[in-house]
Amino acid sequence: MSDPPRQLALDLPVIPRFGSEDFLVSPSNEAAYARIEAWPDWPDRVLVLVGPPGSGKSHLAAIFAERSGALTVPVAAVTAEAVPELARAEALVIEDADRAEGRDEKALFHLLNLVRERGASVVATGSRPVEAWGLATPDLRSRLRLAPGVSLEPPDEALLRVVLVKLFLDRQLVVDTSVVDALTLRLDRSLARARDVVALLDREGLSRRRRITRPLALATLAALEGAEDEGGDDEGSGDEEPDGED
């Protein structure tokens, strides 16, 4: 029996919700969540928020920004020319501060000094501990090492299961619990990975005009992983760290 005809799947954006009420707390992230919730009663004006891609640190940074009125900028935007304007912010989120590409360490150190003098709060995010950021400026390295830090771990199985259910509901998709169970057991422990797979299943189900079943979910995941493996073989050794949603 041939497959049913496929129809065009419109890739309509599903805007992620980054409010405090949308953050799902689990043992993997509760320490980081508690630290953000404690603002402005912090032991220091600078907080280093560390977690692997897909762990939820961008969500936590967004919660902090909403509460504090923080300006959010990538680390590459912290330049000598931009420091005076950035220093006037009541609070700051500096994203991907561990990325060496485009990072002006002198400007970043100057900015941290200015906002500290003003009593403003700063959250600096990174996927690795400060010691692994490759900082060449001793004063900046010392300042960030002394700043309080909190880490998020990859989501545990219970959190990943709840996130999958929420992602399906966000897209108004009704699936059997066996679909969620199967994906929970086989997915990488990444919230970004869960989002990608649910989005792909949404498109597959619509294009095939089929309900999302366990076999369809597993076949879609296997096809995705196979395509990624082939892409990795073509691109070389794969030593570079892959990009991911935080």
C-alpha atoms as a PDB file:
ATOM      1  CA  MET A   1       0.000   0.000   0.000  1.00  0.00           C
ATOM      2  CA  SER A   2       1.462   3.330  -1.065  1.00  0.00           C
ATOM      3  CA  ASP A   3       1.899   6.227   1.296  1.00  0.00           C
ATOM      4  CA  PRO A   4      -0.863   8.850   1.297  1.00  0.00           C
ATOM      5  CA  PRO A   5      -0.134  11.918  -0.828  1.00  0.00           C
ATOM      6  CA  ARG A   6       1.930  14.525   0.963  1.00  0.00           C
ATOM      7  CA  GLN A   7       0.664  18.074   1.305  1.00  0.00           C
ATOM      8  CA  LEU A   8       2.592  21.284   1.702  1.00  0.00           C
ATOM      9  CA  ALA A   9       3.470  21.869   5.358  1.00  0.00           C
ATOM     10  CA  LEU A  10       3.522  25.564   6.158  1.00  0.00           C
ATOM     11  CA  ASP A  11       6.420  26.260   8.506  1.00  0.00           C
ATOM     12  CA  LEU A  12       4.559  28.684  10.741  1.00  0.00           C
ATOM     13  CA  PRO A  13       6.702  29.988  13.592  1.00  0.00           C
ATOM     14  CA  VAL A  14       5.922  28.913  17.133  1.00  0.00           C
ATOM     15  CA  ILE A  15       7.211  31.683  19.363  1.00  0.00           C
ATOM     16  CA  PRO A  16       8.802  30.252  22.527  1.00  0.00           C
ATOM     17  CA  ARG A  17       7.493  31.657  25.795  1.00  0.00           C
ATOM     18  CA  PHE A  18      10.267  32.801  28.108  1.00  0.00           C
ATOM     19  CA  GLY A  19       8.232  33.923  31.107  1.00  0.00           C
ATOM     20  CA  SER A  20       8.904  32.783  34.640  1.00  0.00           C
ATOM     21  CA  GLU A  21       5.667  30.773  34.635  1.00  0.00           C
ATOM     22  CA  ASP A  22       6.896  28.842  31.594  1.00  0.00           C
ATOM     23  CA  PHE A  23      10.171  27.725  33.169  1.00  0.00           C
ATOM     24  CA  LEU A  24      10.007  24.105  34.294  1.00  0.00           C
ATOM     25  CA  VAL A  25      12.040  23.573  37.463  1.00  0.00           C
ATOM     26  CA  SER A  26      13.813  20.274  38.073  1.00  0.00           C
ATOM     27  CA  PRO A  27      16.890  19.078  39.976  1.00  0.00           C
ATOM     28  CA  SER A  28      19.010  19.910  36.915  1.00  0.00           C
ATOM     29  CA  ASN A  29      18.217  23.613  37.053  1.00  0.00           C
ATOM     30  CA  GLU A  30      16.718  24.445  40.455  1.00  0.00           C
ATOM     31  CA  ALA A  31      19.910  26.037  41.856  1.00  0.00           C
ATOM     32  CA  ALA A  32      20.205  28.377  38.884  1.00  0.00           C
ATOM     33  CA  TYR A  33      16.508  29.207  38.994  1.00  0.00           C
ATOM     34  CA  ALA A  34      16.709  29.989  42.720  1.00  0.00           C
ATOM     35  CA  ARG A  35      19.635  32.357  42.126  1.00  0.00           C
ATOM     36  CA  ILE A  36      17.729  34.268  39.441  1.00  0.00           C
ATOM     37  CA  GLU A  37      14.649  34.377  41.668  1.00  0.00           C
ATOM     38  CA  ALA A  38      16.732  35.846  44.491  1.00  0.00           C
ATOM     39  CA  TRP A  39      17.631  38.983  42.501  1.00  0.00           C
ATOM     40  CA  PRO A  40      18.360  41.718  43.573  1.00  0.00           C
ATOM     41  CA  ASP A  41      19.556  40.083  46.813  1.00  0.00           C
ATOM     42  CA  TRP A  42      22.771  38.763  45.289  1.00  0.00           C
ATOM     43  CA  PRO A  43      26.159  38.531  47.020  1.00  0.00           C
ATOM     44  CA  ASP A  44      27.750  40.251  44.013  1.00  0.00           C
ATOM     45  CA  ARG A  45      26.547  42.436  41.131  1.00  0.00           C
ATOM     46  CA  VAL A  46      27.843  39.976  38.510  1.00  0.00           C
ATOM     47  CA  LEU A  47      26.488  36.457  38.036  1.00  0.00           C
ATOM     48  CA  VAL A  48      28.032  33.918  35.645  1.00  0.00           C
ATOM     49  CA  LEU A  49      25.343  31.556  34.340  1.00  0.00           C
ATOM     50  CA  VAL A  50      26.799  28.411  32.783  1.00  0.00           C
ATOM     51  CA  GLY A  51      25.094  25.537  31.019  1.00  0.00           C
ATOM     52  CA  PRO A  52      25.365  23.413  27.875  1.00  0.00           C
ATOM     53  CA  PRO A  53      23.306  24.345  24.802  1.00  0.00           C
ATOM     54  CA  GLY A  54      19.680  23.456  25.364  1.00  0.00           C
ATOM     55  CA  SER A  55      19.878  23.524  29.170  1.00  0.00           C
ATOM     56  CA  GLY A  56      17.611  26.553  29.593  1.00  0.00           C
ATOM     57  CA  LYS A  57      20.088  29.333  30.398  1.00  0.00           C
ATOM     58  CA  SER A  58      18.657  31.640  27.720  1.00  0.00           C
ATOM     59  CA  HIS A  59      15.253  31.205  29.335  1.00  0.00           C
ATOM     60  CA  LEU A  60      16.657  32.065  32.765  1.00  0.00           C
ATOM     61  CA  ALA A  61      18.473  35.078  31.326  1.00  0.00           C
ATOM     62  CA  ALA A  62      15.188  36.225  29.787  1.00  0.00           C
ATOM     63  CA  ILE A  63      13.454  35.898  33.168  1.00  0.00           C
ATOM     64  CA  PHE A  64      16.171  38.025  34.750  1.00  0.00           C
ATOM     65  CA  ALA A  65      15.888  40.594  31.954  1.00  0.00           C
ATOM     66  CA  GLU A  66      12.120  40.815  32.391  1.00  0.00           C
ATOM     67  CA  ARG A  67      12.391  41.333  36.152  1.00  0.00           C
ATOM     68  CA  SER A  68      15.314  43.737  36.138  1.00  0.00           C
ATOM     69  CA  GLY A  69      14.642  45.592  32.905  1.00  0.00           C
ATOM     70  CA  ALA A  70      18.020  44.384  31.668  1.00  0.00           C
ATOM     71  CA  LEU A  71      19.386  45.120  28.234  1.00  0.00           C
ATOM     72  CA  THR A  72      20.419  41.884  26.493  1.00  0.00           C
ATOM     73  CA  VAL A  73      23.409  41.931  24.126  1.00  0.00           C
ATOM     74  CA  PRO A  74      25.769  39.329  22.646  1.00  0.00           C
ATOM     75  CA  VAL A  75      29.345  39.554  23.852  1.00  0.00           C
ATOM     76  CA  ALA A  76      30.457  40.698  20.389  1.00  0.00           C
ATOM     77  CA  ALA A  77      28.394  43.876  20.896  1.00  0.00           C
ATOM     78  CA  VAL A  78      30.550  44.899  23.857  1.00  0.00           C
ATOM     79  CA  THR A  79      33.013  47.160  22.073  1.00  0.00           C
ATOM     80  CA  ALA A  80      34.981  50.181  23.226  1.00  0.00           C
ATOM     81  CA  GLU A  81      32.558  52.445  21.361  1.00  0.00           C
ATOM     82  CA  ALA A  82      29.491  50.796  22.883  1.00  0.00           C
ATOM     83  CA  VAL A  83      30.672  50.669  26.509  1.00  0.00           C
ATOM     84  CA  PRO A  84      29.487  54.192  27.528  1.00  0.00           C
ATOM     85  CA  GLU A  85      25.955  53.482  26.298  1.00  0.00           C
ATOM     86  CA  LEU A  86      25.817  49.958  27.715  1.00  0.00           C
ATOM     87  CA  ALA A  87      27.071  51.174  31.088  1.00  0.00           C
ATOM     88  CA  ARG A  88      23.979  53.366  31.452  1.00  0.00           C
ATOM     89  CA  ALA A  89      21.688  50.322  31.553  1.00  0.00           C
ATOM     90  CA  GLU A  90      20.065  49.449  34.881  1.00  0.00           C
ATOM     91  CA  ALA A  91      20.992  45.810  34.302  1.00  0.00           C
ATOM     92  CA  LEU A  92      22.671  43.781  31.571  1.00  0.00           C
ATOM     93  CA  VAL A  93      22.620  40.289  30.115  1.00  0.00           C
ATOM     94  CA  ILE A  94      25.779  39.492  28.161  1.00  0.00           C
ATOM     95  CA  GLU A  95      25.101  36.364  26.137  1.00  0.00           C
ATOM     96  CA  ASP A  96      27.697  33.808  25.020  1.00  0.00           C
ATOM     97  CA  ALA A  97      30.457  35.536  26.963  1.00  0.00           C
ATOM     98  CA  ASP A  98      32.592  32.416  26.513  1.00  0.00           C
ATOM     99  CA  ARG A  99      32.807  32.897  22.745  1.00  0.00           C
ATOM    100  CA  ALA A 100      36.221  34.221  21.790  1.00  0.00           C
ATOM    101  CA  GLU A 101      35.116  35.237  18.288  1.00  0.00           C
ATOM    102  CA  GLY A 102      34.421  38.967  18.278  1.00  0.00           C
ATOM    103  CA  ARG A 103      35.034  39.341  22.012  1.00  0.00           C
ATOM    104  CA  ASP A 104      36.830  42.552  23.073  1.00  0.00           C
ATOM    105  CA  GLU A 105      38.224  41.615  26.479  1.00  0.00           C
ATOM    106  CA  LYS A 106      39.387  45.119  27.388  1.00  0.00           C
ATOM    107  CA  ALA A 107      35.979  46.562  26.582  1.00  0.00           C
ATOM    108  CA  LEU A 108      34.256  43.812  28.559  1.00  0.00           C
ATOM    109  CA  PHE A 109      36.466  44.423  31.593  1.00  0.00           C
ATOM    110  CA  HIS A 110      35.858  48.182  31.381  1.00  0.00           C
ATOM    111  CA  LEU A 111      32.104  47.611  31.152  1.00  0.00           C
ATOM    112  CA  LEU A 112      32.033  45.309  34.170  1.00  0.00           C
ATOM    113  CA  ASN A 113      33.917  47.917  36.196  1.00  0.00           C
ATOM    114  CA  LEU A 114      31.518  50.693  35.214  1.00  0.00           C
ATOM    115  CA  VAL A 115      28.319  48.781  35.934  1.00  0.00           C
ATOM    116  CA  ARG A 116      29.739  47.609  39.255  1.00  0.00           C
ATOM    117  CA  GLU A 117      30.462  51.222  40.205  1.00  0.00           C
ATOM    118  CA  ARG A 118      26.872  52.140  39.353  1.00  0.00           C
ATOM    119  CA  GLY A 119      25.452  49.233  41.332  1.00  0.00           C
ATOM    120  CA  ALA A 120      23.858  47.643  38.281  1.00  0.00           C
ATOM    121  CA  SER A 121      23.491  43.866  37.888  1.00  0.00           C
ATOM    122  CA  VAL A 122      25.018  41.737  35.146  1.00  0.00           C
ATOM    123  CA  VAL A 123      24.330  38.169  34.037  1.00  0.00           C
ATOM    124  CA  ALA A 124      27.029  36.713  31.763  1.00  0.00           C
ATOM    125  CA  THR A 125      26.107  33.432  30.090  1.00  0.00           C
ATOM    126  CA  GLY A 126      28.372  30.743  28.704  1.00  0.00           C
ATOM    127  CA  SER A 127      28.312  27.075  27.823  1.00  0.00           C
ATOM    128  CA  ARG A 128      31.520  26.331  29.755  1.00  0.00           C
ATOM    129  CA  PRO A 129      33.070  27.332  33.092  1.00  0.00           C
ATOM    130  CA  VAL A 130      35.070  30.572  33.129  1.00  0.00           C
ATOM    131  CA  GLU A 131      38.348  28.627  33.286  1.00  0.00           C
ATOM    132  CA  ALA A 132      37.601  27.283  29.798  1.00  0.00           C
ATOM    133  CA  TRP A 133      36.790  30.641  28.188  1.00  0.00           C
ATOM    134  CA  GLY A 134      40.352  31.191  27.003  1.00  0.00           C
ATOM    135  CA  LEU A 135      40.564  34.693  28.469  1.00  0.00           C
ATOM    136  CA  ALA A 136      43.876  36.375  27.719  1.00  0.00           C
ATOM    137  CA  THR A 137      43.335  39.470  29.905  1.00  0.00           C
ATOM    138  CA  PRO A 138      44.431  38.642  33.472  1.00  0.00           C
ATOM    139  CA  ASP A 139      42.238  41.289  35.149  1.00  0.00           C
ATOM    140  CA  LEU A 140      39.131  40.129  33.305  1.00  0.00           C
ATOM    141  CA  ARG A 141      39.911  36.478  34.003  1.00  0.00           C
ATOM    142  CA  SER A 142      40.357  37.234  37.702  1.00  0.00           C
ATOM    143  CA  ARG A 143      37.170  39.317  37.854  1.00  0.00           C
ATOM    144  CA  LEU A 144      35.008  36.637  36.287  1.00  0.00           C
ATOM    145  CA  ARG A 145      36.566  33.812  38.293  1.00  0.00           C
ATOM    146  CA  LEU A 146      35.747  35.693  41.498  1.00  0.00           C
ATOM    147  CA  ALA A 147      32.169  36.408  40.416  1.00  0.00           C
ATOM    148  CA  PRO A 148      29.548  34.014  41.785  1.00  0.00           C
ATOM    149  CA  GLY A 149      28.562  31.394  39.274  1.00  0.00           C
ATOM    150  CA  VAL A 150      25.781  28.870  38.943  1.00  0.00           C
ATOM    151  CA  SER A 151      25.489  25.954  36.546  1.00  0.00           C
ATOM    152  CA  LEU A 152      22.635  24.240  34.783  1.00  0.00           C
ATOM    153  CA  GLU A 153      22.941  20.557  33.998  1.00  0.00           C
ATOM    154  CA  PRO A 154      21.436  18.834  30.952  1.00  0.00           C
ATOM    155  CA  PRO A 155      17.741  18.130  31.574  1.00  0.00           C
ATOM    156  CA  ASP A 156      16.981  14.913  33.416  1.00  0.00           C
ATOM    157  CA  GLU A 157      14.518  12.362  32.093  1.00  0.00           C
ATOM    158  CA  ALA A 158      11.573  13.714  34.083  1.00  0.00           C
ATOM    159  CA  LEU A 159      12.119  17.269  32.845  1.00  0.00           C
ATOM    160  CA  LEU A 160      12.591  16.162  29.240  1.00  0.00           C
ATOM    161  CA  ARG A 161       9.305  14.261  29.403  1.00  0.00           C
ATOM    162  CA  VAL A 162       7.407  17.291  30.710  1.00  0.00           C
ATOM    163  CA  VAL A 163       9.038  19.557  28.123  1.00  0.00           C
ATOM    164  CA  LEU A 164       8.015  17.233  25.286  1.00  0.00           C
ATOM    165  CA  VAL A 165       4.412  17.252  26.484  1.00  0.00           C
ATOM    166  CA  LYS A 166       4.476  21.063  26.674  1.00  0.00           C
ATOM    167  CA  LEU A 167       5.994  21.393  23.204  1.00  0.00           C
ATOM    168  CA  PHE A 168       3.309  19.174  21.675  1.00  0.00           C
ATOM    169  CA  LEU A 169       0.592  21.145  23.462  1.00  0.00           C
ATOM    170  CA  ASP A 170       2.093  24.450  22.291  1.00  0.00           C
ATOM    171  CA  ARG A 171       1.593  23.225  18.730  1.00  0.00           C
ATOM    172  CA  GLN A 172      -1.886  21.892  19.539  1.00  0.00           C
ATOM    173  CA  LEU A 173      -0.753  18.353  18.770  1.00  0.00           C
ATOM    174  CA  VAL A 174      -2.431  15.446  20.504  1.00  0.00           C
ATOM    175  CA  VAL A 175      -0.136  12.434  20.843  1.00  0.00           C
ATOM    176  CA  ASP A 176      -0.249   9.187  22.759  1.00  0.00           C
ATOM    177  CA  THR A 177       1.919   8.816  25.843  1.00  0.00           C
ATOM    178  CA  SER A 178       3.867   6.096  24.016  1.00  0.00           C
ATOM    179  CA  VAL A 179       5.217   8.784  21.653  1.00  0.00           C
ATOM    180  CA  VAL A 180       6.491  10.866  24.563  1.00  0.00           C
ATOM    181  CA  ASP A 181       7.938   7.800  26.297  1.00  0.00           C
ATOM    182  CA  ALA A 182       9.791   6.656  23.180  1.00  0.00           C
ATOM    183  CA  LEU A 183      11.269  10.084  22.488  1.00  0.00           C
ATOM    184  CA  THR A 184      12.272  10.583  26.120  1.00  0.00           C
ATOM    185  CA  LEU A 185      14.312   7.377  26.054  1.00  0.00           C
ATOM    186  CA  ARG A 186      16.065   8.149  22.779  1.00  0.00           C
ATOM    187  CA  LEU A 187      16.556  11.913  22.630  1.00  0.00           C
ATOM    188  CA  ASP A 188      19.753  13.670  23.583  1.00  0.00           C
ATOM    189  CA  ARG A 189      19.341  15.475  26.913  1.00  0.00           C
ATOM    190  CA  SER A 190      18.781  18.870  25.332  1.00  0.00           C
ATOM    191  CA  LEU A 191      15.733  21.142  25.393  1.00  0.00           C
ATOM    192  CA  ALA A 192      16.778  22.555  22.038  1.00  0.00           C
ATOM    193  CA  ARG A 193      16.883  19.029  20.599  1.00  0.00           C
ATOM    194  CA  ALA A 194      13.385  18.366  21.923  1.00  0.00           C
ATOM    195  CA  ARG A 195      12.105  21.545  20.235  1.00  0.00           C
ATOM    196  CA  ASP A 196      13.697  20.580  16.922  1.00  0.00           C
ATOM    197  CA  VAL A 197      12.231  17.076  16.943  1.00  0.00           C
ATOM    198  CA  VAL A 198       8.711  18.207  17.848  1.00  0.00           C
ATOM    199  CA  ALA A 199       8.816  20.851  15.110  1.00  0.00           C
ATOM    200  CA  LEU A 200       9.927  18.226  12.585  1.00  0.00           C
ATOM    201  CA  LEU A 201       7.187  15.824  13.693  1.00  0.00           C
ATOM    202  CA  ASP A 202       4.642  18.594  13.339  1.00  0.00           C
ATOM    203  CA  ARG A 203       5.710  19.132   9.731  1.00  0.00           C
ATOM    204  CA  GLU A 204       5.870  15.414   8.978  1.00  0.00           C
ATOM    205  CA  GLY A 205       2.429  14.745  10.412  1.00  0.00           C
ATOM    206  CA  LEU A 206       0.909  17.623   8.453  1.00  0.00           C
ATOM    207  CA  SER A 207       2.607  16.809   5.165  1.00  0.00           C
ATOM    208  CA  ARG A 208       1.636  13.137   5.395  1.00  0.00           C
ATOM    209  CA  ARG A 209      -1.813  13.948   6.792  1.00  0.00           C
ATOM    210  CA  ARG A 210      -1.169  11.367   9.479  1.00  0.00           C
ATOM    211  CA  ARG A 211      -1.491  11.314  13.212  1.00  0.00           C
ATOM    212  CA  ILE A 212       1.843  11.397  15.035  1.00  0.00           C
ATOM    213  CA  THR A 213       2.361   7.828  16.171  1.00  0.00           C
ATOM    214  CA  ARG A 214       5.230   6.083  17.895  1.00  0.00           C
ATOM    215  CA  PRO A 215       6.502   4.481  14.643  1.00  0.00           C
ATOM    216  CA  LEU A 216       6.373   7.855  12.867  1.00  0.00           C
ATOM    217  CA  ALA A 217       8.196   9.538  15.754  1.00  0.00           C
ATOM    218  CA  LEU A 218      10.949   6.915  15.813  1.00  0.00           C
ATOM    219  CA  ALA A 219      11.320   6.899  12.023  1.00  0.00           C
ATOM    220  CA  THR A 220      11.542  10.698  11.956  1.00  0.00           C
ATOM    221  CA  LEU A 221      14.141  10.745  14.727  1.00  0.00           C
ATOM    222  CA  ALA A 222      16.187   8.023  12.999  1.00  0.00           C
ATOM    223  CA  ALA A 223      16.072   9.934   9.694  1.00  0.00           C
ATOM    224  CA  LEU A 224      17.183  13.126  11.437  1.00  0.00           C
ATOM    225  CA  GLU A 225      20.091  11.402  13.162  1.00  0.00           C
ATOM    226  CA  GLY A 226      21.088   9.687   9.925  1.00  0.00           C
ATOM    227  CA  ALA A 227      21.116  12.985   8.058  1.00  0.00           C
ATOM    228  CA  GLU A 228      23.244  14.562  10.772  1.00  0.00           C
ATOM    229  CA  ASP A 229      25.709  11.663  10.688  1.00  0.00           C
ATOM    230  CA  GLU A 230      26.099  12.036   6.933  1.00  0.00           C
ATOM    231  CA  GLY A 231      26.578  15.776   7.287  1.00  0.00           C
ATOM    232  CA  GLY A 232      29.244  15.233   9.937  1.00  0.00           C
ATOM    233  CA  ASP A 233      31.166  12.890   7.646  1.00  0.00           C
ATOM    234  CA  ASP A 234      31.144  15.493   4.882  1.00  0.00           C
ATOM    235  CA  GLU A 235      32.248  18.363   7.084  1.00  0.00           C
ATOM    236  CA  GLY A 236      35.432  16.837   8.460  1.00  0.00           C
ATOM    237  CA  SER A 237      36.619  15.732  11.830  1.00  0.00           C
ATOM    238  CA  GLY A 238      33.905  17.497  13.830  1.00  0.00           C
ATOM    239  CA  ASP A 239      36.267  18.966  16.397  1.00  0.00           C
ATOM    240  CA  GLU A 240      34.432  22.289  16.477  1.00  0.00           C
ATOM    241  CA  GLU A 241      31.733  22.704  19.049  1.00  0.00           C
ATOM    242  CA  PRO A 242      28.289  22.565  17.386  1.00  0.00           C
ATOM    243  CA  ASP A 243      25.931  25.481  17.715  1.00  0.00           C
ATOM    244  CA  GLY A 244      22.823  24.978  19.752  1.00  0.00           C
ATOM    245  CA  GLU A 245      19.855  26.734  21.289  1.00  0.00           C
ATOM    246  CA  ASP A 246      20.519  27.753  24.890  1.00  0.00           C
END
